[in-house]
Amino acid sequence: MSENDVVRGRRAALVVIDVQESFRHMPFWSEADLPAFREALLRLDAGCRQRGVPVVHIFHVGQAGPFTEASGYVRALDWLPGSPDVCFFKHTHNAFSDTGLDLWLRRHGIERLIIAGIRTEQCCETTTRVGSDIGYEIDFVSEATLTFPMTHPLSGRSYSTAKIKEHAELVLAGRFARIVSVDDCLAALGEGHA
């Protein structure tokens, strides 16, 4: 039995994290990696919907700035397809704490999560770790995540988005998630998923 055969037997859901207008109003926002991210996420979303995989949208609500509800920016980026199966609002880095996501997934028989969204090393990685710890199998689709360059607070060293993604993959692989491409993820789902 191949790994794909094992994966096909698990009911999956696509969890799209924080693909929201709030980020466009942050000082670190950059569109350098946006076209590749958008293309990958749209392919992943379309492929999941075609296979009957539920789509979950998660949005972050913060206490200040463009992540507050009052800002009007806690909404999907205009290119993200609407009509998810369910939407949750979170106040922490992971999508599980106080959102109702876990209960919804379990009620729908979901055993496997496909993780995509913004930021790779923050809310996507944290959700992956928590999801794995509470019993879900996780496919982390790096190419369908987006992040931004960062500077180390002590050394001053700058890290590119490629290095940040590479590090996220390194620490998640085999411990918390399978690291997969969009194509591999969709192939593992097969044609008739639901």
N, C-alpha and C. Protein backbone atom coordinates (compact mmCIF):
# COMPACT_ATOMS: atom_id res chain seq x y z
N MET A 1 0.85 -1.18 0.00
CA MET A 1 0.00 0.00 0.00
C MET A 1 0.90 1.24 0.00
N SER A 2 0.67 2.16 -0.93
CA SER A 2 1.49 3.37 -1.03
C SER A 2 1.00 4.43 -0.06
N GLU A 3 1.85 5.47 0.11
CA GLU A 3 1.46 6.59 0.98
C GLU A 3 0.19 7.25 0.45
N ASN A 4 0.06 7.35 -0.88
CA ASN A 4 -1.14 7.96 -1.45
C ASN A 4 -2.38 7.15 -1.15
N ASP A 5 -2.27 5.80 -1.10
CA ASP A 5 -3.42 4.98 -0.75
C ASP A 5 -3.87 5.26 0.68
N VAL A 6 -2.91 5.43 1.57
CA VAL A 6 -3.24 5.74 2.97
C VAL A 6 -3.92 7.10 3.04
N VAL A 7 -3.37 8.09 2.33
CA VAL A 7 -3.91 9.45 2.33
C VAL A 7 -5.32 9.47 1.77
N ARG A 8 -5.56 8.71 0.69
CA ARG A 8 -6.88 8.71 0.06
C ARG A 8 -7.98 8.23 1.00
N GLY A 9 -7.64 7.40 1.97
CA GLY A 9 -8.64 6.88 2.89
C GLY A 9 -9.03 7.86 3.98
N ARG A 10 -8.40 9.00 4.07
CA ARG A 10 -8.65 9.98 5.12
C ARG A 10 -9.44 11.16 4.55
N ARG A 11 -10.55 11.49 5.16
CA ARG A 11 -11.33 12.64 4.70
C ARG A 11 -10.57 13.92 5.05
N ALA A 12 -10.36 14.76 4.05
CA ALA A 12 -9.55 15.97 4.19
C ALA A 12 -10.39 17.24 4.11
N ALA A 13 -9.80 18.33 4.62
CA ALA A 13 -10.36 19.67 4.46
C ALA A 13 -9.21 20.61 4.14
N LEU A 14 -9.47 21.58 3.28
CA LEU A 14 -8.51 22.63 2.97
C LEU A 14 -8.73 23.77 3.96
N VAL A 15 -7.68 24.12 4.70
CA VAL A 15 -7.76 25.21 5.67
C VAL A 15 -6.92 26.37 5.14
N VAL A 16 -7.61 27.44 4.74
CA VAL A 16 -6.96 28.63 4.17
C VAL A 16 -6.88 29.68 5.27
N ILE A 17 -5.66 29.98 5.69
CA ILE A 17 -5.43 30.80 6.88
C ILE A 17 -5.03 32.24 6.54
N ASP A 18 -5.80 33.18 7.03
CA ASP A 18 -5.45 34.61 7.03
C ASP A 18 -5.14 35.21 5.67
N VAL A 19 -5.80 34.77 4.64
CA VAL A 19 -5.61 35.38 3.32
C VAL A 19 -6.57 36.58 3.29
N GLN A 20 -6.13 37.62 4.01
CA GLN A 20 -7.03 38.74 4.29
C GLN A 20 -6.41 40.08 3.97
N GLU A 21 -7.30 41.02 3.73
CA GLU A 21 -6.93 42.38 3.34
C GLU A 21 -6.02 43.05 4.38
N SER A 22 -6.12 42.67 5.62
CA SER A 22 -5.31 43.27 6.70
C SER A 22 -3.84 43.34 6.33
N PHE A 23 -3.31 42.28 5.74
CA PHE A 23 -1.88 42.23 5.44
C PHE A 23 -1.44 43.31 4.47
N ARG A 24 -2.31 43.69 3.54
CA ARG A 24 -1.93 44.71 2.55
C ARG A 24 -1.70 46.07 3.21
N HIS A 25 -2.11 46.21 4.46
CA HIS A 25 -1.97 47.48 5.17
C HIS A 25 -0.89 47.43 6.25
N MET A 26 -0.04 46.41 6.19
CA MET A 26 1.07 46.28 7.13
C MET A 26 2.35 46.81 6.48
N PRO A 27 3.26 47.38 7.28
CA PRO A 27 4.47 47.98 6.69
C PRO A 27 5.38 46.97 5.99
N PHE A 28 5.30 45.69 6.35
CA PHE A 28 6.16 44.67 5.73
C PHE A 28 5.56 44.07 4.46
N TRP A 29 4.33 44.46 4.11
CA TRP A 29 3.67 43.87 2.94
C TRP A 29 4.53 44.04 1.69
N SER A 30 4.63 42.97 0.94
CA SER A 30 5.36 42.98 -0.32
C SER A 30 4.61 42.10 -1.30
N GLU A 31 4.55 42.51 -2.54
CA GLU A 31 3.89 41.70 -3.55
C GLU A 31 4.87 40.89 -4.37
N ALA A 32 6.12 40.83 -3.94
CA ALA A 32 7.16 40.12 -4.71
C ALA A 32 6.79 38.66 -4.94
N ASP A 33 6.32 37.98 -3.91
CA ASP A 33 5.97 36.56 -4.02
C ASP A 33 4.48 36.32 -4.24
N LEU A 34 3.71 37.40 -4.31
CA LEU A 34 2.26 37.27 -4.40
C LEU A 34 1.77 36.52 -5.64
N PRO A 35 2.28 36.80 -6.85
CA PRO A 35 1.75 36.10 -8.02
C PRO A 35 1.88 34.57 -7.94
N ALA A 36 3.03 34.07 -7.51
CA ALA A 36 3.23 32.62 -7.40
C ALA A 36 2.33 32.03 -6.32
N PHE A 37 2.23 32.72 -5.19
CA PHE A 37 1.36 32.28 -4.10
C PHE A 37 -0.10 32.22 -4.56
N ARG A 38 -0.56 33.29 -5.19
CA ARG A 38 -1.95 33.36 -5.65
C ARG A 38 -2.25 32.23 -6.63
N GLU A 39 -1.35 32.01 -7.58
CA GLU A 39 -1.57 30.95 -8.57
C GLU A 39 -1.63 29.58 -7.89
N ALA A 40 -0.72 29.33 -6.97
CA ALA A 40 -0.71 28.04 -6.27
C ALA A 40 -1.96 27.85 -5.42
N LEU A 41 -2.34 28.88 -4.68
CA LEU A 41 -3.52 28.75 -3.82
C LEU A 41 -4.80 28.60 -4.65
N LEU A 42 -4.91 29.31 -5.74
CA LEU A 42 -6.11 29.18 -6.58
C LEU A 42 -6.20 27.79 -7.20
N ARG A 43 -5.06 27.22 -7.62
CA ARG A 43 -5.06 25.85 -8.15
C ARG A 43 -5.45 24.85 -7.07
N LEU A 44 -4.92 25.04 -5.87
CA LEU A 44 -5.22 24.15 -4.75
C LEU A 44 -6.70 24.25 -4.38
N ASP A 45 -7.22 25.45 -4.28
CA ASP A 45 -8.62 25.67 -3.93
C ASP A 45 -9.54 25.04 -4.98
N ALA A 46 -9.26 25.31 -6.26
CA ALA A 46 -10.10 24.76 -7.33
C ALA A 46 -10.04 23.24 -7.34
N GLY A 47 -8.84 22.67 -7.17
CA GLY A 47 -8.69 21.22 -7.17
C GLY A 47 -9.41 20.57 -6.00
N CYS A 48 -9.35 21.21 -4.84
CA CYS A 48 -10.06 20.67 -3.67
C CYS A 48 -11.57 20.72 -3.89
N ARG A 49 -12.06 21.84 -4.38
CA ARG A 49 -13.51 21.97 -4.61
C ARG A 49 -13.99 20.93 -5.64
N GLN A 50 -13.19 20.72 -6.69
CA GLN A 50 -13.57 19.73 -7.72
C GLN A 50 -13.67 18.33 -7.14
N ARG A 51 -12.89 18.05 -6.11
CA ARG A 51 -12.85 16.73 -5.50
C ARG A 51 -13.78 16.61 -4.28
N GLY A 52 -14.56 17.65 -4.03
CA GLY A 52 -15.50 17.61 -2.91
C GLY A 52 -14.87 17.79 -1.55
N VAL A 53 -13.66 18.36 -1.52
CA VAL A 53 -12.98 18.62 -0.25
C VAL A 53 -13.52 19.92 0.34
N PRO A 54 -14.00 19.89 1.58
CA PRO A 54 -14.49 21.13 2.20
C PRO A 54 -13.40 22.18 2.30
N VAL A 55 -13.79 23.43 2.10
CA VAL A 55 -12.86 24.56 2.19
C VAL A 55 -13.24 25.39 3.41
N VAL A 56 -12.24 25.62 4.27
CA VAL A 56 -12.42 26.39 5.50
C VAL A 56 -11.60 27.66 5.40
N HIS A 57 -12.22 28.80 5.67
CA HIS A 57 -11.48 30.06 5.72
C HIS A 57 -11.31 30.47 7.17
N ILE A 58 -10.09 30.90 7.50
CA ILE A 58 -9.76 31.40 8.83
C ILE A 58 -9.29 32.84 8.67
N PHE A 59 -9.79 33.73 9.53
CA PHE A 59 -9.35 35.12 9.51
C PHE A 59 -8.88 35.53 10.89
N HIS A 60 -7.80 36.30 10.93
CA HIS A 60 -7.24 36.74 12.21
C HIS A 60 -7.84 38.09 12.61
N VAL A 61 -8.28 38.17 13.86
CA VAL A 61 -8.79 39.41 14.43
C VAL A 61 -7.84 39.82 15.55
N GLY A 62 -7.26 41.00 15.44
CA GLY A 62 -6.33 41.49 16.45
C GLY A 62 -6.92 42.63 17.25
N GLN A 63 -6.10 43.19 18.13
CA GLN A 63 -6.57 44.25 19.01
C GLN A 63 -6.18 45.64 18.53
N ALA A 64 -5.37 45.70 17.48
CA ALA A 64 -4.95 47.01 16.99
C ALA A 64 -4.69 46.97 15.49
N GLY A 65 -4.75 48.13 14.88
CA GLY A 65 -4.39 48.27 13.48
C GLY A 65 -5.33 47.58 12.50
N PRO A 66 -4.78 47.16 11.35
CA PRO A 66 -5.61 46.61 10.28
C PRO A 66 -6.19 45.23 10.55
N PHE A 67 -5.85 44.63 11.71
CA PHE A 67 -6.43 43.33 12.05
C PHE A 67 -7.65 43.47 12.96
N THR A 68 -8.03 44.68 13.32
CA THR A 68 -9.24 44.86 14.13
C THR A 68 -10.46 44.79 13.23
N GLU A 69 -11.56 44.34 13.80
CA GLU A 69 -12.80 44.30 13.03
C GLU A 69 -13.20 45.70 12.57
N ALA A 70 -12.93 46.70 13.41
CA ALA A 70 -13.30 48.08 13.08
C ALA A 70 -12.56 48.61 11.85
N SER A 71 -11.41 48.03 11.53
CA SER A 71 -10.63 48.50 10.37
C SER A 71 -11.34 48.21 9.05
N GLY A 72 -12.20 47.21 9.04
CA GLY A 72 -12.86 46.80 7.80
C GLY A 72 -11.99 45.92 6.91
N TYR A 73 -10.79 45.57 7.38
CA TYR A 73 -9.85 44.79 6.58
C TYR A 73 -9.85 43.30 6.91
N VAL A 74 -10.62 42.90 7.91
CA VAL A 74 -10.67 41.47 8.26
C VAL A 74 -11.67 40.80 7.32
N ARG A 75 -11.22 40.67 6.07
CA ARG A 75 -12.01 40.05 5.00
C ARG A 75 -11.04 39.51 3.97
N ALA A 76 -11.54 38.60 3.15
CA ALA A 76 -10.69 37.93 2.16
C ALA A 76 -10.09 38.93 1.17
N LEU A 77 -8.85 38.66 0.74
CA LEU A 77 -8.29 39.41 -0.38
C LEU A 77 -9.23 39.22 -1.57
N ASP A 78 -9.36 40.23 -2.39
CA ASP A 78 -10.42 40.22 -3.40
C ASP A 78 -10.34 39.09 -4.41
N TRP A 79 -9.20 38.45 -4.57
CA TRP A 79 -9.06 37.37 -5.55
C TRP A 79 -9.34 35.99 -4.95
N LEU A 80 -9.49 35.89 -3.64
CA LEU A 80 -9.75 34.59 -3.01
C LEU A 80 -11.18 34.16 -3.28
N PRO A 81 -11.39 32.95 -3.81
CA PRO A 81 -12.77 32.51 -4.07
C PRO A 81 -13.61 32.52 -2.79
N GLY A 82 -14.83 32.98 -2.93
CA GLY A 82 -15.75 33.02 -1.80
C GLY A 82 -16.43 31.68 -1.60
N SER A 83 -17.49 31.70 -0.84
CA SER A 83 -18.31 30.52 -0.56
C SER A 83 -17.53 29.35 0.04
N PRO A 84 -16.77 29.60 1.13
CA PRO A 84 -16.16 28.46 1.81
C PRO A 84 -17.26 27.66 2.50
N ASP A 85 -16.95 26.44 2.87
CA ASP A 85 -17.93 25.63 3.61
C ASP A 85 -18.19 26.20 4.99
N VAL A 86 -17.17 26.82 5.57
CA VAL A 86 -17.30 27.44 6.89
C VAL A 86 -16.18 28.46 7.05
N CYS A 87 -16.42 29.44 7.91
CA CYS A 87 -15.44 30.49 8.17
C CYS A 87 -15.32 30.67 9.68
N PHE A 88 -14.08 30.81 10.17
CA PHE A 88 -13.84 31.03 11.59
C PHE A 88 -12.93 32.24 11.77
N PHE A 89 -13.10 32.92 12.88
CA PHE A 89 -12.28 34.07 13.23
C PHE A 89 -11.45 33.70 14.46
N LYS A 90 -10.16 33.96 14.38
CA LYS A 90 -9.25 33.57 15.46
C LYS A 90 -8.61 34.81 16.08
N HIS A 91 -8.15 34.63 17.32
CA HIS A 91 -7.48 35.71 18.04
C HIS A 91 -6.08 35.29 18.48
N THR A 92 -5.65 34.10 18.06
CA THR A 92 -4.34 33.56 18.40
C THR A 92 -3.63 33.17 17.10
N HIS A 93 -2.38 32.72 17.21
CA HIS A 93 -1.65 32.33 16.01
C HIS A 93 -2.16 31.02 15.42
N ASN A 94 -2.74 30.15 16.22
CA ASN A 94 -3.28 28.90 15.66
C ASN A 94 -4.77 29.04 15.41
N ALA A 95 -5.27 28.23 14.50
CA ALA A 95 -6.67 28.34 14.08
C ALA A 95 -7.62 27.53 14.96
N PHE A 96 -7.11 26.91 16.02
CA PHE A 96 -7.95 26.05 16.86
C PHE A 96 -8.44 26.71 18.14
N SER A 97 -7.59 27.49 18.81
CA SER A 97 -7.96 28.03 20.12
C SER A 97 -9.19 28.93 20.04
N ASP A 98 -10.23 28.52 20.73
CA ASP A 98 -11.45 29.33 20.86
C ASP A 98 -12.14 29.69 19.54
N THR A 99 -12.00 28.82 18.52
CA THR A 99 -12.67 29.14 17.24
C THR A 99 -13.83 28.21 16.91
N GLY A 100 -13.81 27.00 17.44
CA GLY A 100 -14.82 26.02 17.04
C GLY A 100 -14.37 25.17 15.86
N LEU A 101 -13.17 25.42 15.33
CA LEU A 101 -12.69 24.68 14.17
C LEU A 101 -12.60 23.18 14.45
N ASP A 102 -11.99 22.81 15.56
CA ASP A 102 -11.81 21.39 15.88
C ASP A 102 -13.15 20.67 15.94
N LEU A 103 -14.12 21.25 16.60
CA LEU A 103 -15.45 20.64 16.71
C LEU A 103 -16.08 20.47 15.33
N TRP A 104 -15.98 21.50 14.49
CA TRP A 104 -16.56 21.43 13.14
C TRP A 104 -15.90 20.31 12.34
N LEU A 105 -14.57 20.25 12.40
CA LEU A 105 -13.85 19.22 11.64
C LEU A 105 -14.25 17.82 12.10
N ARG A 106 -14.31 17.61 13.39
CA ARG A 106 -14.64 16.29 13.92
C ARG A 106 -16.09 15.90 13.59
N ARG A 107 -16.99 16.86 13.65
CA ARG A 107 -18.39 16.58 13.29
C ARG A 107 -18.54 16.20 11.83
N HIS A 108 -17.60 16.68 11.00
CA HIS A 108 -17.64 16.37 9.57
C HIS A 108 -16.70 15.22 9.19
N GLY A 109 -16.17 14.53 10.17
CA GLY A 109 -15.34 13.35 9.91
C GLY A 109 -14.00 13.65 9.27
N ILE A 110 -13.49 14.86 9.45
CA ILE A 110 -12.21 15.25 8.85
C ILE A 110 -11.07 14.71 9.70
N GLU A 111 -10.14 14.04 9.04
CA GLU A 111 -8.97 13.48 9.72
C GLU A 111 -7.66 14.09 9.22
N ARG A 112 -7.74 14.78 8.11
CA ARG A 112 -6.54 15.29 7.45
C ARG A 112 -6.75 16.73 7.04
N LEU A 113 -5.78 17.59 7.33
CA LEU A 113 -5.88 19.00 6.99
C LEU A 113 -4.84 19.36 5.94
N ILE A 114 -5.27 20.17 4.99
CA ILE A 114 -4.39 20.72 3.97
C ILE A 114 -4.22 22.19 4.33
N ILE A 115 -2.99 22.58 4.67
CA ILE A 115 -2.74 23.92 5.19
C ILE A 115 -2.17 24.82 4.12
N ALA A 116 -2.78 26.02 3.98
CA ALA A 116 -2.31 27.04 3.05
C ALA A 116 -2.63 28.40 3.67
N GLY A 117 -1.97 29.45 3.18
CA GLY A 117 -2.32 30.79 3.65
C GLY A 117 -1.14 31.68 3.96
N ILE A 118 -1.38 32.66 4.81
CA ILE A 118 -0.41 33.70 5.19
C ILE A 118 -0.28 33.67 6.72
N ARG A 119 0.81 33.76 7.30
CA ARG A 119 2.20 33.67 6.97
C ARG A 119 2.69 32.26 7.20
N THR A 120 3.61 31.85 6.34
CA THR A 120 4.14 30.49 6.36
C THR A 120 4.59 30.06 7.75
N GLU A 121 5.48 30.85 8.36
CA GLU A 121 6.14 30.47 9.62
C GLU A 121 5.37 30.90 10.86
N GLN A 122 4.26 31.57 10.66
CA GLN A 122 3.54 32.08 11.82
C GLN A 122 2.24 31.30 11.97
N CYS A 123 1.15 31.80 11.45
CA CYS A 123 -0.14 31.14 11.68
C CYS A 123 -0.26 29.80 10.96
N CYS A 124 0.34 29.66 9.78
CA CYS A 124 0.27 28.38 9.07
C CYS A 124 1.06 27.31 9.82
N GLU A 125 2.29 27.64 10.20
CA GLU A 125 3.11 26.67 10.93
C GLU A 125 2.52 26.36 12.31
N THR A 126 2.04 27.36 13.01
CA THR A 126 1.49 27.14 14.36
C THR A 126 0.23 26.28 14.29
N THR A 127 -0.63 26.54 13.33
CA THR A 127 -1.83 25.72 13.15
C THR A 127 -1.45 24.28 12.83
N THR A 128 -0.42 24.11 12.01
CA THR A 128 0.06 22.77 11.67
C THR A 128 0.51 22.02 12.92
N ARG A 129 1.30 22.67 13.75
CA ARG A 129 1.81 22.02 14.96
C ARG A 129 0.67 21.64 15.90
N VAL A 130 -0.25 22.57 16.13
CA VAL A 130 -1.37 22.28 17.04
C VAL A 130 -2.26 21.20 16.44
N GLY A 131 -2.57 21.30 15.16
CA GLY A 131 -3.40 20.30 14.50
C GLY A 131 -2.82 18.91 14.60
N SER A 132 -1.52 18.79 14.38
CA SER A 132 -0.85 17.51 14.51
C SER A 132 -0.93 16.99 15.95
N ASP A 133 -0.69 17.87 16.91
CA ASP A 133 -0.71 17.47 18.31
C ASP A 133 -2.08 16.97 18.78
N ILE A 134 -3.14 17.46 18.16
CA ILE A 134 -4.48 17.02 18.58
C ILE A 134 -5.04 15.91 17.67
N GLY A 135 -4.17 15.36 16.81
CA GLY A 135 -4.54 14.14 16.11
C GLY A 135 -4.82 14.19 14.63
N TYR A 136 -4.67 15.34 13.99
CA TYR A 136 -4.91 15.41 12.56
C TYR A 136 -3.65 15.07 11.78
N GLU A 137 -3.83 14.45 10.61
CA GLU A 137 -2.73 14.33 9.66
C GLU A 137 -2.70 15.63 8.87
N ILE A 138 -1.51 16.11 8.59
CA ILE A 138 -1.39 17.43 7.97
C ILE A 138 -0.58 17.36 6.69
N ASP A 139 -1.11 18.00 5.65
CA ASP A 139 -0.35 18.28 4.43
C ASP A 139 -0.07 19.77 4.44
N PHE A 140 1.21 20.13 4.53
CA PHE A 140 1.63 21.53 4.53
C PHE A 140 2.06 21.87 3.11
N VAL A 141 1.28 22.72 2.45
CA VAL A 141 1.52 23.04 1.04
C VAL A 141 2.29 24.36 0.97
N SER A 142 3.60 24.26 1.08
CA SER A 142 4.45 25.46 1.18
C SER A 142 4.23 26.45 0.05
N GLU A 143 4.11 25.94 -1.16
CA GLU A 143 3.99 26.87 -2.29
C GLU A 143 2.66 27.63 -2.25
N ALA A 144 1.70 27.15 -1.48
CA ALA A 144 0.43 27.84 -1.31
C ALA A 144 0.40 28.60 0.02
N THR A 145 1.61 28.96 0.51
CA THR A 145 1.72 29.85 1.66
C THR A 145 2.53 31.06 1.25
N LEU A 146 2.34 32.14 1.98
CA LEU A 146 3.04 33.39 1.68
C LEU A 146 3.65 33.92 2.97
N THR A 147 4.85 34.46 2.85
CA THR A 147 5.46 35.16 3.98
C THR A 147 6.28 36.32 3.45
N PHE A 148 6.99 36.97 4.35
CA PHE A 148 7.72 38.19 4.01
C PHE A 148 9.11 38.12 4.63
N PRO A 149 10.09 38.82 4.06
CA PRO A 149 11.44 38.80 4.63
C PRO A 149 11.41 39.26 6.09
N MET A 150 12.35 38.74 6.87
CA MET A 150 12.43 39.09 8.29
C MET A 150 13.88 39.37 8.66
N THR A 151 14.06 40.17 9.72
CA THR A 151 15.38 40.47 10.25
C THR A 151 15.47 39.95 11.68
N HIS A 152 16.53 39.21 11.96
CA HIS A 152 16.73 38.65 13.30
C HIS A 152 16.91 39.79 14.30
N PRO A 153 16.19 39.74 15.44
CA PRO A 153 16.23 40.87 16.38
C PRO A 153 17.57 41.06 17.09
N LEU A 154 18.39 40.03 17.18
CA LEU A 154 19.68 40.15 17.86
C LEU A 154 20.85 40.30 16.91
N SER A 155 20.90 39.43 15.89
CA SER A 155 22.05 39.46 14.97
C SER A 155 21.90 40.50 13.87
N GLY A 156 20.66 40.90 13.59
CA GLY A 156 20.44 41.83 12.49
C GLY A 156 20.48 41.16 11.13
N ARG A 157 20.66 39.85 11.12
CA ARG A 157 20.73 39.11 9.86
C ARG A 157 19.36 39.07 9.20
N SER A 158 19.33 39.26 7.90
CA SER A 158 18.07 39.23 7.14
C SER A 158 17.83 37.84 6.59
N TYR A 159 16.57 37.44 6.59
CA TYR A 159 16.17 36.13 6.06
C TYR A 159 15.17 36.34 4.94
N SER A 160 15.46 35.73 3.80
CA SER A 160 14.58 35.82 2.64
C SER A 160 13.35 34.94 2.86
N THR A 161 12.33 35.16 2.05
CA THR A 161 11.14 34.32 2.14
C THR A 161 11.48 32.87 1.82
N ALA A 162 12.40 32.65 0.89
CA ALA A 162 12.80 31.28 0.55
C ALA A 162 13.43 30.59 1.75
N LYS A 163 14.29 31.29 2.49
CA LYS A 163 14.94 30.71 3.68
C LYS A 163 13.91 30.44 4.78
N ILE A 164 12.97 31.33 4.96
CA ILE A 164 11.94 31.15 5.99
C ILE A 164 11.09 29.93 5.65
N LYS A 165 10.69 29.79 4.39
CA LYS A 165 9.90 28.63 3.98
C LYS A 165 10.70 27.34 4.14
N GLU A 166 11.97 27.39 3.76
CA GLU A 166 12.83 26.22 3.88
C GLU A 166 12.94 25.78 5.35
N HIS A 167 13.06 26.74 6.25
CA HIS A 167 13.15 26.42 7.68
C HIS A 167 11.83 25.83 8.18
N ALA A 168 10.71 26.40 7.76
CA ALA A 168 9.40 25.87 8.17
C ALA A 168 9.25 24.42 7.71
N GLU A 169 9.63 24.16 6.47
CA GLU A 169 9.56 22.79 5.96
C GLU A 169 10.45 21.85 6.76
N LEU A 170 11.67 22.31 7.07
CA LEU A 170 12.62 21.50 7.82
C LEU A 170 12.06 21.07 9.18
N VAL A 171 11.50 22.02 9.92
CA VAL A 171 11.06 21.70 11.28
C VAL A 171 9.71 20.99 11.33
N LEU A 172 8.92 21.09 10.26
CA LEU A 172 7.62 20.41 10.24
C LEU A 172 7.68 19.00 9.67
N ALA A 173 8.54 18.79 8.68
CA ALA A 173 8.57 17.53 7.93
C ALA A 173 8.81 16.32 8.82
N GLY A 174 7.92 15.35 8.70
CA GLY A 174 8.09 14.10 9.42
C GLY A 174 7.72 14.16 10.89
N ARG A 175 7.60 15.34 11.43
CA ARG A 175 7.22 15.49 12.84
C ARG A 175 5.78 15.94 12.97
N PHE A 176 5.43 16.94 12.18
CA PHE A 176 4.10 17.53 12.27
C PHE A 176 3.31 17.43 10.97
N ALA A 177 3.99 17.22 9.85
CA ALA A 177 3.30 17.30 8.56
C ALA A 177 4.08 16.59 7.46
N ARG A 178 3.34 16.32 6.37
CA ARG A 178 3.97 15.98 5.09
C ARG A 178 4.12 17.30 4.36
N ILE A 179 5.27 17.54 3.78
CA ILE A 179 5.48 18.74 2.97
C ILE A 179 5.18 18.36 1.53
N VAL A 180 4.20 19.00 0.94
CA VAL A 180 3.76 18.61 -0.41
C VAL A 180 3.58 19.82 -1.31
N SER A 181 3.70 19.58 -2.60
CA SER A 181 3.38 20.60 -3.60
C SER A 181 1.87 20.57 -3.85
N VAL A 182 1.38 21.56 -4.55
CA VAL A 182 -0.04 21.57 -4.92
C VAL A 182 -0.36 20.32 -5.73
N ASP A 183 0.47 20.01 -6.72
CA ASP A 183 0.20 18.85 -7.58
C ASP A 183 0.19 17.55 -6.80
N ASP A 184 1.16 17.37 -5.90
CA ASP A 184 1.22 16.15 -5.10
C ASP A 184 0.02 16.06 -4.17
N CYS A 185 -0.37 17.16 -3.60
CA CYS A 185 -1.52 17.18 -2.70
C CYS A 185 -2.79 16.75 -3.44
N LEU A 186 -3.01 17.35 -4.59
CA LEU A 186 -4.22 17.03 -5.37
C LEU A 186 -4.18 15.60 -5.88
N ALA A 187 -3.01 15.14 -6.29
CA ALA A 187 -2.90 13.76 -6.76
C ALA A 187 -3.23 12.78 -5.65
N ALA A 188 -2.80 13.09 -4.42
CA ALA A 188 -3.06 12.21 -3.29
C ALA A 188 -4.55 12.17 -2.94
N LEU A 189 -5.26 13.23 -3.27
CA LEU A 189 -6.70 13.24 -2.98
C LEU A 189 -7.47 12.34 -3.94
N GLY A 190 -6.92 12.11 -5.12
CA GLY A 190 -7.62 11.30 -6.10
C GLY A 190 -8.75 12.10 -6.74
N GLU A 191 -9.53 11.45 -7.53
CA GLU A 191 -10.61 12.14 -8.24
C GLU A 191 -11.90 12.23 -7.43
N GLY A 192 -12.26 11.18 -6.74
CA GLY A 192 -13.50 11.18 -5.98
C GLY A 192 -13.21 11.14 -4.51
N HIS A 193 -13.16 12.28 -3.87
CA HIS A 193 -12.74 12.34 -2.48
C HIS A 193 -13.88 12.21 -1.50
N ALA A 194 -14.98 12.87 -1.78
CA ALA A 194 -16.06 13.01 -0.79
C ALA A 194 -16.65 11.69 -0.38
